[in-house]
Amino acid sequence: MPEDAEACFDLYLAHTEPLSGEIQDDKIAVEYLRKAHDLGQPDATFVLGSLIYKGAKGFDEDRSEGVRLMKLGKAQGANPM
């Protein structure tokens, strides 16, 4: 697993985008997303929060934690679409 936040987030995206050429695997994608978040990547923090908020991709739904992470990601400079 890379130790670069941007690389981890890019790999998360690659494993969730059908046209990327990578195997679509939520388990692998979430591992990269968590690593990117742990390394301080703002977009990863925001996306992680949104997944937790919705209870998606194997996360338990936790709206308060999801909102906390989305706000943190935004404060760190995330640019949600």
Protein backbone atom coordinates (compact mmCIF):
# COMPACT_ATOMS: atom_id res chain seq x y z
CA MET A 1 0.00 0.00 0.00
CA PRO A 2 1.41 3.39 -0.94
CA GLU A 3 2.31 5.87 1.80
CA ASP A 4 1.19 8.80 -0.35
CA ALA A 5 -2.28 10.21 0.39
CA GLU A 6 -2.97 11.27 -3.20
CA ALA A 7 -1.89 7.91 -4.61
CA CYS A 8 -4.15 6.09 -2.15
CA PHE A 9 -7.12 8.29 -3.03
CA ASP A 10 -6.45 7.79 -6.75
CA LEU A 11 -6.39 4.03 -6.19
CA TYR A 12 -9.68 4.26 -4.27
CA LEU A 13 -11.20 6.04 -7.27
CA ALA A 14 -9.72 3.51 -9.69
CA HIS A 15 -11.33 0.62 -7.81
CA THR A 16 -14.75 2.32 -7.87
CA GLU A 17 -14.76 3.60 -11.47
CA PRO A 18 -15.90 0.96 -13.99
CA LEU A 19 -13.91 2.48 -16.86
CA SER A 20 -10.60 2.66 -14.96
CA GLY A 21 -9.39 -0.76 -16.02
CA GLU A 22 -8.96 -1.80 -12.38
CA ILE A 23 -10.95 -4.58 -10.72
CA GLN A 24 -14.05 -3.12 -9.08
CA ASP A 25 -13.72 -4.23 -5.48
CA ASP A 26 -15.32 -2.30 -2.63
CA LYS A 27 -13.14 -3.97 0.00
CA ILE A 28 -9.91 -2.93 -1.73
CA ALA A 29 -11.33 0.52 -2.53
CA VAL A 30 -12.27 1.14 1.11
CA GLU A 31 -8.79 0.09 2.28
CA TYR A 32 -7.27 2.73 0.00
CA LEU A 33 -9.85 5.30 1.09
CA ARG A 34 -9.12 4.71 4.79
CA LYS A 35 -5.37 4.95 4.16
CA ALA A 36 -5.80 8.20 2.22
CA HIS A 37 -7.92 9.57 5.08
CA ASP A 38 -5.34 8.46 7.65
CA LEU A 39 -2.66 10.27 5.63
CA GLY A 40 -4.72 13.46 5.63
CA GLN A 41 -6.20 13.58 2.12
CA PRO A 42 -9.21 15.98 2.42
CA ASP A 43 -11.33 14.49 -0.36
CA ALA A 44 -10.86 11.03 1.13
CA THR A 45 -12.02 12.31 4.50
CA PHE A 46 -15.11 13.86 2.92
CA VAL A 47 -15.94 10.72 0.90
CA LEU A 48 -15.38 8.50 3.94
CA GLY A 49 -17.80 10.70 5.87
CA SER A 50 -20.41 10.46 3.14
CA LEU A 51 -20.14 6.66 3.06
CA ILE A 52 -20.47 6.42 6.83
CA TYR A 53 -23.39 8.88 6.78
CA LYS A 54 -25.25 6.67 4.26
CA GLY A 55 -24.08 3.33 5.62
CA ALA A 56 -22.65 2.44 2.20
CA LYS A 57 -19.87 0.07 1.08
CA GLY A 58 -20.00 -2.00 4.25
CA PHE A 59 -19.98 0.86 6.77
CA ASP A 60 -22.53 1.02 9.56
CA GLU A 61 -24.74 4.08 9.17
CA ASP A 62 -23.64 6.79 11.57
CA ARG A 63 -24.98 10.17 10.61
CA SER A 64 -23.20 12.16 13.31
CA GLU A 65 -19.79 10.64 12.50
CA GLY A 66 -20.47 11.04 8.79
CA VAL A 67 -21.28 14.73 9.20
CA ARG A 68 -18.21 15.21 11.41
CA LEU A 69 -15.92 13.70 8.78
CA MET A 70 -17.53 15.59 5.90
CA LYS A 71 -17.11 18.88 7.79
CA LEU A 72 -13.50 17.97 8.62
CA GLY A 73 -12.75 17.13 4.99
CA LYS A 74 -14.31 20.38 3.83
CA ALA A 75 -12.35 22.36 6.44
CA GLN A 76 -9.15 20.67 5.18
CA GLY A 77 -9.92 21.76 1.61
CA ALA A 78 -12.03 18.97 0.13
CA ASN A 79 -13.77 19.91 -3.08
CA PRO A 80 -16.91 17.75 -3.17
CA MET A 81 -18.68 17.64 -6.51
